Amino acid sequence: MKDHLLWRQFKDGNHQAFATIFHTHYRALFQYGVKIVPDENLVKDCIQELFTDLWEKRRRLGDCPSILFYLLKSLRRRIVRVAAAQQRRNRQDAHLYEHAFHLMLSDEERMFAQETYDLLESQLQKALEGLSPRQKEVIYLRYYNNLSFREVAEVLELNYQSVRNYAHSALTVLRKRLQPPLKVVG
Protein backbone atom coordinates (compact mmCIF):
# COMPACT_ATOMS: atom_id res chain seq x y z
CA MET A 1 0.00 0.00 0.00
CA LYS A 2 1.26 3.47 -0.82
CA ASP A 3 2.55 5.43 2.17
CA HIS A 4 0.17 8.34 1.70
CA LEU A 5 -2.89 6.03 1.65
CA LEU A 6 -1.72 4.07 4.69
CA TRP A 7 -0.97 7.33 6.51
CA ARG A 8 -4.42 8.71 5.71
CA GLN A 9 -6.08 5.55 7.06
CA PHE A 10 -3.96 5.78 10.20
CA LYS A 11 -4.91 9.45 10.67
CA ASP A 12 -8.56 8.46 10.31
CA GLY A 13 -8.15 6.12 13.30
CA ASN A 14 -7.70 2.78 11.51
CA HIS A 15 -6.00 0.49 14.05
CA GLN A 16 -4.89 -1.96 11.36
CA ALA A 17 -3.11 0.81 9.42
CA PHE A 18 -1.38 1.89 12.63
CA ALA A 19 -0.29 -1.70 13.34
CA THR A 20 0.97 -2.04 9.76
CA ILE A 21 3.08 1.10 10.11
CA PHE A 22 4.50 -0.16 13.40
CA HIS A 23 5.31 -3.68 12.18
CA THR A 24 6.67 -2.50 8.84
CA HIS A 25 9.10 0.03 10.28
CA TYR A 26 9.96 -1.15 13.81
CA ARG A 27 13.07 -3.08 12.81
CA ALA A 28 14.55 -0.24 10.72
CA LEU A 29 13.82 2.22 13.55
CA PHE A 30 15.43 -0.03 16.15
CA GLN A 31 18.52 -0.68 14.01
CA TYR A 32 18.95 3.06 13.40
CA GLY A 33 18.31 3.93 17.03
CA VAL A 34 20.98 1.62 18.42
CA LYS A 35 23.48 3.17 16.04
CA ILE A 36 22.74 6.58 17.56
CA VAL A 37 22.85 5.40 21.16
CA PRO A 38 23.95 1.90 22.26
CA ASP A 39 21.23 1.55 24.91
CA GLU A 40 18.66 -0.89 23.45
CA ASN A 41 16.15 -0.24 26.23
CA LEU A 42 16.31 3.51 25.68
CA VAL A 43 15.77 2.97 21.94
CA LYS A 44 12.81 0.65 22.55
CA ASP A 45 11.31 3.18 24.98
CA CYS A 46 11.77 6.00 22.47
CA ILE A 47 10.11 3.96 19.72
CA GLN A 48 7.22 3.10 22.04
CA GLU A 49 6.81 6.77 23.03
CA LEU A 50 7.01 7.81 19.38
CA PHE A 51 4.16 5.50 18.40
CA THR A 52 2.11 6.45 21.45
CA ASP A 53 2.47 10.13 20.55
CA LEU A 54 1.65 9.38 16.90
CA TRP A 55 -1.60 7.71 17.86
CA GLU A 56 -2.60 10.43 20.30
CA LYS A 57 -1.76 13.26 17.86
CA ARG A 58 -2.78 11.54 14.61
CA ARG A 59 -5.60 13.96 13.79
CA ARG A 60 -3.21 16.94 13.92
CA LEU A 61 -0.51 15.35 11.76
CA GLY A 62 0.05 16.53 8.20
CA ASP A 63 0.33 14.41 5.08
CA CYS A 64 3.25 12.02 4.89
CA PRO A 65 4.61 10.92 1.51
CA SER A 66 7.34 8.77 3.17
CA ILE A 67 6.48 7.14 6.47
CA LEU A 68 9.98 5.73 7.07
CA PHE A 69 11.53 9.16 6.53
CA TYR A 70 9.08 10.75 8.97
CA LEU A 71 9.64 8.05 11.59
CA LEU A 72 13.45 8.11 11.33
CA LYS A 73 13.50 11.88 11.69
CA SER A 74 11.10 11.79 14.65
CA LEU A 75 12.98 8.97 16.36
CA ARG A 76 16.33 10.67 15.97
CA ARG A 77 15.02 13.88 17.54
CA ARG A 78 13.47 11.94 20.40
CA ILE A 79 16.63 9.91 21.07
CA VAL A 80 18.82 13.01 20.98
CA ARG A 81 16.44 14.79 23.38
CA VAL A 82 16.24 11.84 25.79
CA ALA A 83 19.98 11.17 25.62
CA ALA A 84 20.68 14.84 26.31
CA ALA A 85 18.39 14.73 29.34
CA GLN A 86 20.20 11.61 30.57
CA GLN A 87 23.52 13.36 30.07
CA ARG A 88 22.42 16.22 32.22
CA ARG A 89 21.38 13.76 34.93
CA ASN A 90 24.49 11.65 34.65
CA ARG A 91 27.63 13.59 33.74
CA GLN A 92 29.81 10.49 33.54
CA ASP A 93 27.94 9.53 30.33
CA ALA A 94 28.37 12.97 28.72
CA HIS A 95 29.84 11.44 25.56
CA LEU A 96 26.81 9.16 25.05
CA TYR A 97 25.55 10.65 21.79
CA GLU A 98 28.52 12.35 20.20
CA HIS A 99 30.68 9.23 20.08
CA ALA A 100 28.06 6.52 19.93
CA PHE A 101 27.25 6.27 16.24
CA HIS A 102 28.94 3.08 14.99
CA LEU A 103 28.23 1.88 11.51
CA MET A 104 28.66 -1.87 11.43
CA LEU A 105 27.09 -4.55 9.32
CA SER A 106 24.35 -6.44 11.14
CA ASP A 107 24.66 -10.12 12.06
CA GLU A 108 21.92 -10.93 9.56
CA GLU A 109 23.82 -9.21 6.75
CA ARG A 110 27.00 -11.08 7.71
CA MET A 111 25.24 -14.45 7.74
CA PHE A 112 23.60 -13.80 4.37
CA ALA A 113 26.88 -13.54 2.51
CA GLN A 114 29.29 -15.13 4.99
CA GLU A 115 31.13 -17.52 2.71
CA THR A 116 31.32 -15.30 -0.35
CA TYR A 117 32.01 -11.91 1.19
CA ASP A 118 34.12 -12.43 4.32
CA LEU A 119 37.15 -10.74 2.86
CA LEU A 120 35.18 -7.88 1.33
CA GLU A 121 33.33 -7.32 4.59
CA SER A 122 36.55 -7.10 6.55
CA GLN A 123 37.95 -4.57 4.10
CA LEU A 124 34.75 -2.54 4.16
CA GLN A 125 34.63 -2.53 7.96
CA LYS A 126 38.20 -1.27 8.15
CA ALA A 127 37.36 1.42 5.61
CA LEU A 128 34.20 2.49 7.50
CA GLU A 129 36.16 2.80 10.74
CA GLY A 130 38.15 5.55 9.07
CA LEU A 131 35.03 7.68 8.58
CA SER A 132 33.90 10.35 11.00
CA PRO A 133 30.72 9.67 13.02
CA ARG A 134 28.79 12.18 10.88
CA GLN A 135 30.01 10.57 7.65
CA LYS A 136 28.93 7.17 8.98
CA GLU A 137 25.48 8.50 9.82
CA VAL A 138 25.05 10.09 6.40
CA ILE A 139 26.14 6.87 4.67
CA TYR A 140 23.81 4.81 6.87
CA LEU A 141 20.75 6.97 6.21
CA ARG A 142 21.47 7.44 2.50
CA TYR A 143 22.55 3.96 1.49
CA TYR A 144 21.23 1.60 4.17
CA ASN A 145 17.79 3.27 4.45
CA ASN A 146 17.59 4.71 0.92
CA LEU A 147 16.71 8.23 2.02
CA SER A 148 17.30 11.03 -0.46
CA PHE A 149 19.98 13.62 0.30
CA ARG A 150 17.22 16.11 1.12
CA GLU A 151 15.65 13.68 3.57
CA VAL A 152 19.02 12.95 5.17
CA ALA A 153 19.58 16.69 5.52
CA GLU A 154 16.24 17.05 7.29
CA VAL A 155 16.82 14.08 9.59
CA LEU A 156 20.26 15.38 10.60
CA GLU A 157 19.13 19.01 10.59
CA LEU A 158 21.95 19.98 8.22
CA ASN A 159 21.82 21.85 4.97
CA TYR A 160 21.59 19.87 1.75
CA GLN A 161 25.09 20.76 0.51
CA SER A 162 26.70 19.71 3.79
CA VAL A 163 25.08 16.28 3.49
CA ARG A 164 26.30 15.97 -0.10
CA ASN A 165 29.79 16.98 1.03
CA TYR A 166 29.81 14.41 3.86
CA ALA A 167 28.63 11.69 1.47
CA HIS A 168 31.12 12.65 -1.22
CA SER A 169 34.08 12.74 1.16
CA ALA A 170 33.00 9.43 2.77
CA LEU A 171 32.63 7.71 -0.60
CA THR A 172 36.00 9.07 -1.71
CA VAL A 173 37.63 7.60 1.40
CA LEU A 174 35.83 4.28 0.94
CA ARG A 175 36.75 4.02 -2.77
CA LYS A 176 40.38 4.77 -2.00
CA ARG A 177 40.55 2.21 0.81
CA LEU A 178 38.64 -0.49 -1.08
CA GLN A 179 40.60 -0.36 -4.33
CA PRO A 180 42.50 -3.57 -4.90
CA PRO A 181 46.25 -3.19 -4.48
CA LEU A 182 48.22 -2.99 -7.73
CA LYS A 183 50.14 -6.13 -8.56
CA VAL A 184 53.63 -5.57 -9.83
CA VAL A 185 54.56 -8.08 -12.49
CA GLY A 186 58.20 -8.60 -13.21
C-alpha atoms as a PDB file:
ATOM      1  CA  MET A   1       0.000   0.000   0.000  1.00  0.00           C
ATOM      2  CA  LYS A   2       1.258   3.472  -0.820  1.00  0.00           C
ATOM      3  CA  ASP A   3       2.548   5.433   2.173  1.00  0.00           C
ATOM      4  CA  HIS A   4       0.172   8.344   1.697  1.00  0.00           C
ATOM      5  CA  LEU A   5      -2.895   6.027   1.654  1.00  0.00           C
ATOM      6  CA  LEU A   6      -1.724   4.069   4.690  1.00  0.00           C
ATOM      7  CA  TRP A   7      -0.966   7.326   6.511  1.00  0.00           C
ATOM      8  CA  ARG A   8      -4.425   8.706   5.712  1.00  0.00           C
ATOM      9  CA  GLN A   9      -6.076   5.550   7.058  1.00  0.00           C
ATOM     10  CA  PHE A  10      -3.960   5.782  10.205  1.00  0.00           C
ATOM     11  CA  LYS A  11      -4.909   9.455  10.671  1.00  0.00           C
ATOM     12  CA  ASP A  12      -8.564   8.455  10.309  1.00  0.00           C
ATOM     13  CA  GLY A  13      -8.150   6.116  13.297  1.00  0.00           C
ATOM     14  CA  ASN A  14      -7.702   2.785  11.515  1.00  0.00           C
ATOM     15  CA  HIS A  15      -6.002   0.487  14.053  1.00  0.00           C
ATOM     16  CA  GLN A  16      -4.885  -1.961  11.358  1.00  0.00           C
ATOM     17  CA  ALA A  17      -3.115   0.811   9.420  1.00  0.00           C
ATOM     18  CA  PHE A  18      -1.384   1.888  12.633  1.00  0.00           C
ATOM     19  CA  ALA A  19      -0.293  -1.695  13.338  1.00  0.00           C
ATOM     20  CA  THR A  20       0.965  -2.045   9.758  1.00  0.00           C
ATOM     21  CA  ILE A  21       3.076   1.100  10.113  1.00  0.00           C
ATOM     22  CA  PHE A  22       4.500  -0.163  13.403  1.00  0.00           C
ATOM     23  CA  HIS A  23       5.307  -3.681  12.182  1.00  0.00           C
ATOM     24  CA  THR A  24       6.674  -2.503   8.843  1.00  0.00           C
ATOM     25  CA  HIS A  25       9.101   0.033  10.281  1.00  0.00           C
ATOM     26  CA  TYR A  26       9.958  -1.147  13.813  1.00  0.00           C
ATOM     27  CA  ARG A  27      13.071  -3.080  12.814  1.00  0.00           C
ATOM     28  CA  ALA A  28      14.551  -0.240  10.720  1.00  0.00           C
ATOM     29  CA  LEU A  29      13.824   2.218  13.548  1.00  0.00           C
ATOM     30  CA  PHE A  30      15.432  -0.028  16.146  1.00  0.00           C
ATOM     31  CA  GLN A  31      18.523  -0.677  14.013  1.00  0.00           C
ATOM     32  CA  TYR A  32      18.950   3.058  13.396  1.00  0.00           C
ATOM     33  CA  GLY A  33      18.307   3.930  17.034  1.00  0.00           C
ATOM     34  CA  VAL A  34      20.984   1.622  18.425  1.00  0.00           C
ATOM     35  CA  LYS A  35      23.479   3.171  16.040  1.00  0.00           C
ATOM     36  CA  ILE A  36      22.739   6.578  17.561  1.00  0.00           C
ATOM     37  CA  VAL A  37      22.853   5.402  21.164  1.00  0.00           C
ATOM     38  CA  PRO A  38      23.947   1.898  22.263  1.00  0.00           C
ATOM     39  CA  ASP A  39      21.228   1.547  24.910  1.00  0.00           C
ATOM     40  CA  GLU A  40      18.664  -0.894  23.448  1.00  0.00           C
ATOM     41  CA  ASN A  41      16.147  -0.241  26.234  1.00  0.00           C
ATOM     42  CA  LEU A  42      16.314   3.507  25.677  1.00  0.00           C
ATOM     43  CA  VAL A  43      15.773   2.973  21.945  1.00  0.00           C
ATOM     44  CA  LYS A  44      12.811   0.652  22.555  1.00  0.00           C
ATOM     45  CA  ASP A  45      11.315   3.179  24.980  1.00  0.00           C
ATOM     46  CA  CYS A  46      11.774   5.996  22.466  1.00  0.00           C
ATOM     47  CA  ILE A  47      10.113   3.960  19.718  1.00  0.00           C
ATOM     48  CA  GLN A  48       7.224   3.102  22.042  1.00  0.00           C
ATOM     49  CA  GLU A  49       6.809   6.769  23.029  1.00  0.00           C
ATOM     50  CA  LEU A  50       7.014   7.813  19.381  1.00  0.00           C
ATOM     51  CA  PHE A  51       4.161   5.496  18.400  1.00  0.00           C
ATOM     52  CA  THR A  52       2.111   6.448  21.447  1.00  0.00           C
ATOM     53  CA  ASP A  53       2.465  10.130  20.548  1.00  0.00           C
ATOM     54  CA  LEU A  54       1.648   9.380  16.904  1.00  0.00           C
ATOM     55  CA  TRP A  55      -1.603   7.706  17.862  1.00  0.00           C
ATOM     56  CA  GLU A  56      -2.596  10.435  20.298  1.00  0.00           C
ATOM     57  CA  LYS A  57      -1.763  13.260  17.855  1.00  0.00           C
ATOM     58  CA  ARG A  58      -2.782  11.535  14.613  1.00  0.00           C
ATOM     59  CA  ARG A  59      -5.599  13.965  13.791  1.00  0.00           C
ATOM     60  CA  ARG A  60      -3.214  16.938  13.917  1.00  0.00           C
ATOM     61  CA  LEU A  61      -0.507  15.354  11.756  1.00  0.00           C
ATOM     62  CA  GLY A  62       0.047  16.525   8.197  1.00  0.00           C
ATOM     63  CA  ASP A  63       0.330  14.410   5.085  1.00  0.00           C
ATOM     64  CA  CYS A  64       3.252  12.017   4.888  1.00  0.00           C
ATOM     65  CA  PRO A  65       4.615  10.922   1.512  1.00  0.00           C
ATOM     66  CA  SER A  66       7.343   8.771   3.171  1.00  0.00           C
ATOM     67  CA  ILE A  67       6.483   7.136   6.470  1.00  0.00           C
ATOM     68  CA  LEU A  68       9.984   5.734   7.072  1.00  0.00           C
ATOM     69  CA  PHE A  69      11.531   9.164   6.535  1.00  0.00           C
ATOM     70  CA  TYR A  70       9.080  10.747   8.972  1.00  0.00           C
ATOM     71  CA  LEU A  71       9.637   8.047  11.592  1.00  0.00           C
ATOM     72  CA  LEU A  72      13.452   8.112  11.330  1.00  0.00           C
ATOM     73  CA  LYS A  73      13.496  11.880  11.691  1.00  0.00           C
ATOM     74  CA  SER A  74      11.103  11.792  14.648  1.00  0.00           C
ATOM     75  CA  LEU A  75      12.980   8.970  16.364  1.00  0.00           C
ATOM     76  CA  ARG A  76      16.333  10.673  15.966  1.00  0.00           C
ATOM     77  CA  ARG A  77      15.016  13.876  17.536  1.00  0.00           C
ATOM     78  CA  ARG A  78      13.469  11.936  20.399  1.00  0.00           C
ATOM     79  CA  ILE A  79      16.627   9.912  21.075  1.00  0.00           C
ATOM     80  CA  VAL A  80      18.825  13.007  20.983  1.00  0.00           C
ATOM     81  CA  ARG A  81      16.445  14.792  23.376  1.00  0.00           C
ATOM     82  CA  VAL A  82      16.238  11.836  25.794  1.00  0.00           C
ATOM     83  CA  ALA A  83      19.977  11.171  25.622  1.00  0.00           C
ATOM     84  CA  ALA A  84      20.683  14.843  26.314  1.00  0.00           C
ATOM     85  CA  ALA A  85      18.391  14.731  29.343  1.00  0.00           C
ATOM     86  CA  GLN A  86      20.204  11.611  30.573  1.00  0.00           C
ATOM     87  CA  GLN A  87      23.521  13.358  30.069  1.00  0.00           C
ATOM     88  CA  ARG A  88      22.420  16.225  32.220  1.00  0.00           C
ATOM     89  CA  ARG A  89      21.380  13.765  34.929  1.00  0.00           C
ATOM     90  CA  ASN A  90      24.487  11.646  34.648  1.00  0.00           C
ATOM     91  CA  ARG A  91      27.626  13.588  33.738  1.00  0.00           C
ATOM     92  CA  GLN A  92      29.814  10.494  33.535  1.00  0.00           C
ATOM     93  CA  ASP A  93      27.942   9.529  30.329  1.00  0.00           C
ATOM     94  CA  ALA A  94      28.368  12.965  28.721  1.00  0.00           C
ATOM     95  CA  HIS A  95      29.838  11.441  25.562  1.00  0.00           C
ATOM     96  CA  LEU A  96      26.806   9.162  25.046  1.00  0.00           C
ATOM     97  CA  TYR A  97      25.547  10.647  21.789  1.00  0.00           C
ATOM     98  CA  GLU A  98      28.524  12.347  20.201  1.00  0.00           C
ATOM     99  CA  HIS A  99      30.681   9.231  20.083  1.00  0.00           C
ATOM    100  CA  ALA A 100      28.062   6.521  19.935  1.00  0.00           C
ATOM    101  CA  PHE A 101      27.248   6.267  16.241  1.00  0.00           C
ATOM    102  CA  HIS A 102      28.939   3.083  14.995  1.00  0.00           C
ATOM    103  CA  LEU A 103      28.227   1.875  11.512  1.00  0.00           C
ATOM    104  CA  MET A 104      28.663  -1.865  11.428  1.00  0.00           C
ATOM    105  CA  LEU A 105      27.086  -4.547   9.318  1.00  0.00           C
ATOM    106  CA  SER A 106      24.350  -6.445  11.145  1.00  0.00           C
ATOM    107  CA  ASP A 107      24.662 -10.120  12.056  1.00  0.00           C
ATOM    108  CA  GLU A 108      21.918 -10.931   9.560  1.00  0.00           C
ATOM    109  CA  GLU A 109      23.823  -9.214   6.755  1.00  0.00           C
ATOM    110  CA  ARG A 110      26.997 -11.076   7.710  1.00  0.00           C
ATOM    111  CA  MET A 111      25.244 -14.448   7.735  1.00  0.00           C
ATOM    112  CA  PHE A 112      23.596 -13.803   4.369  1.00  0.00           C
ATOM    113  CA  ALA A 113      26.883 -13.544   2.510  1.00  0.00           C
ATOM    114  CA  GLN A 114      29.293 -15.134   4.990  1.00  0.00           C
ATOM    115  CA  GLU A 115      31.131 -17.521   2.709  1.00  0.00           C
ATOM    116  CA  THR A 116      31.324 -15.297  -0.346  1.00  0.00           C
ATOM    117  CA  TYR A 117      32.009 -11.905   1.193  1.00  0.00           C
ATOM    118  CA  ASP A 118      34.116 -12.427   4.323  1.00  0.00           C
ATOM    119  CA  LEU A 119      37.154 -10.737   2.864  1.00  0.00           C
ATOM    120  CA  LEU A 120      35.181  -7.875   1.329  1.00  0.00           C
ATOM    121  CA  GLU A 121      33.330  -7.323   4.592  1.00  0.00           C
ATOM    122  CA  SER A 122      36.550  -7.098   6.547  1.00  0.00           C
ATOM    123  CA  GLN A 123      37.951  -4.570   4.100  1.00  0.00           C
ATOM    124  CA  LEU A 124      34.745  -2.536   4.161  1.00  0.00           C
ATOM    125  CA  GLN A 125      34.628  -2.533   7.958  1.00  0.00           C
ATOM    126  CA  LYS A 126      38.200  -1.275   8.146  1.00  0.00           C
ATOM    127  CA  ALA A 127      37.365   1.421   5.609  1.00  0.00           C
ATOM    128  CA  LEU A 128      34.204   2.487   7.502  1.00  0.00           C
ATOM    129  CA  GLU A 129      36.160   2.798  10.736  1.00  0.00           C
ATOM    130  CA  GLY A 130      38.147   5.549   9.068  1.00  0.00           C
ATOM    131  CA  LEU A 131      35.025   7.684   8.584  1.00  0.00           C
ATOM    132  CA  SER A 132      33.900  10.354  11.003  1.00  0.00           C
ATOM    133  CA  PRO A 133      30.722   9.665  13.024  1.00  0.00           C
ATOM    134  CA  ARG A 134      28.788  12.182  10.884  1.00  0.00           C
ATOM    135  CA  GLN A 135      30.013  10.572   7.650  1.00  0.00           C
ATOM    136  CA  LYS A 136      28.934   7.167   8.978  1.00  0.00           C
ATOM    137  CA  GLU A 137      25.478   8.498   9.819  1.00  0.00           C
ATOM    138  CA  VAL A 138      25.049  10.088   6.395  1.00  0.00           C
ATOM    139  CA  ILE A 139      26.139   6.865   4.670  1.00  0.00           C
ATOM    140  CA  TYR A 140      23.806   4.810   6.875  1.00  0.00           C
ATOM    141  CA  LEU A 141      20.754   6.972   6.206  1.00  0.00           C
ATOM    142  CA  ARG A 142      21.465   7.438   2.499  1.00  0.00           C
ATOM    143  CA  TYR A 143      22.554   3.960   1.486  1.00  0.00           C
ATOM    144  CA  TYR A 144      21.231   1.604   4.175  1.00  0.00           C
ATOM    145  CA  ASN A 145      17.791   3.272   4.451  1.00  0.00           C
ATOM    146  CA  ASN A 146      17.585   4.705   0.922  1.00  0.00           C
ATOM    147  CA  LEU A 147      16.714   8.230   2.021  1.00  0.00           C
ATOM    148  CA  SER A 148      17.298  11.033  -0.457  1.00  0.00           C
ATOM    149  CA  PHE A 149      19.980  13.616   0.303  1.00  0.00           C
ATOM    150  CA  ARG A 150      17.224  16.115   1.125  1.00  0.00           C
ATOM    151  CA  GLU A 151      15.647  13.678   3.565  1.00  0.00           C
ATOM    152  CA  VAL A 152      19.016  12.949   5.174  1.00  0.00           C
ATOM    153  CA  ALA A 153      19.577  16.694   5.518  1.00  0.00           C
ATOM    154  CA  GLU A 154      16.239  17.052   7.291  1.00  0.00           C
ATOM    155  CA  VAL A 155      16.824  14.084   9.594  1.00  0.00           C
ATOM    156  CA  LEU A 156      20.261  15.379  10.598  1.00  0.00           C
ATOM    157  CA  GLU A 157      19.134  19.009  10.587  1.00  0.00           C
ATOM    158  CA  LEU A 158      21.950  19.975   8.217  1.00  0.00           C
ATOM    159  CA  ASN A 159      21.822  21.853   4.967  1.00  0.00           C
ATOM    160  CA  TYR A 160      21.593  19.871   1.747  1.00  0.00           C
ATOM    161  CA  GLN A 161      25.091  20.765   0.515  1.00  0.00           C
ATOM    162  CA  SER A 162      26.702  19.706   3.792  1.00  0.00           C
ATOM    163  CA  VAL A 163      25.084  16.285   3.492  1.00  0.00           C
ATOM    164  CA  ARG A 164      26.298  15.974  -0.098  1.00  0.00           C
ATOM    165  CA  ASN A 165      29.794  16.985   1.025  1.00  0.00           C
ATOM    166  CA  TYR A 166      29.813  14.413   3.855  1.00  0.00           C
ATOM    167  CA  ALA A 167      28.632  11.694   1.472  1.00  0.00           C
ATOM    168  CA  HIS A 168      31.124  12.647  -1.217  1.00  0.00           C
ATOM    169  CA  SER A 169      34.078  12.737   1.162  1.00  0.00           C
ATOM    170  CA  ALA A 170      32.998   9.428   2.773  1.00  0.00           C
ATOM    171  CA  LEU A 171      32.632   7.706  -0.599  1.00  0.00           C
ATOM    172  CA  THR A 172      36.002   9.075  -1.708  1.00  0.00           C
ATOM    173  CA  VAL A 173      37.629   7.604   1.395  1.00  0.00           C
ATOM    174  CA  LEU A 174      35.831   4.284   0.942  1.00  0.00           C
ATOM    175  CA  ARG A 175      36.752   4.019  -2.765  1.00  0.00           C
ATOM    176  CA  LYS A 176      40.377   4.770  -1.995  1.00  0.00           C
ATOM    177  CA  ARG A 177      40.546   2.213   0.809  1.00  0.00           C
ATOM    178  CA  LEU A 178      38.641  -0.489  -1.075  1.00  0.00           C
ATOM    179  CA  GLN A 179      40.605  -0.356  -4.326  1.00  0.00           C
ATOM    180  CA  PRO A 180      42.501  -3.569  -4.904  1.00  0.00           C
ATOM    181  CA  PRO A 181      46.251  -3.191  -4.479  1.00  0.00           C
ATOM    182  CA  LEU A 182      48.221  -2.991  -7.729  1.00  0.00           C
ATOM    183  CA  LYS A 183      50.141  -6.130  -8.560  1.00  0.00           C
ATOM    184  CA  VAL A 184      53.627  -5.570  -9.834  1.00  0.00           C
ATOM    185  CA  VAL A 185      54.560  -8.079 -12.486  1.00  0.00           C
ATOM    186  CA  GLY A 186      58.204  -8.597 -13.211  1.00  0.00           C
END
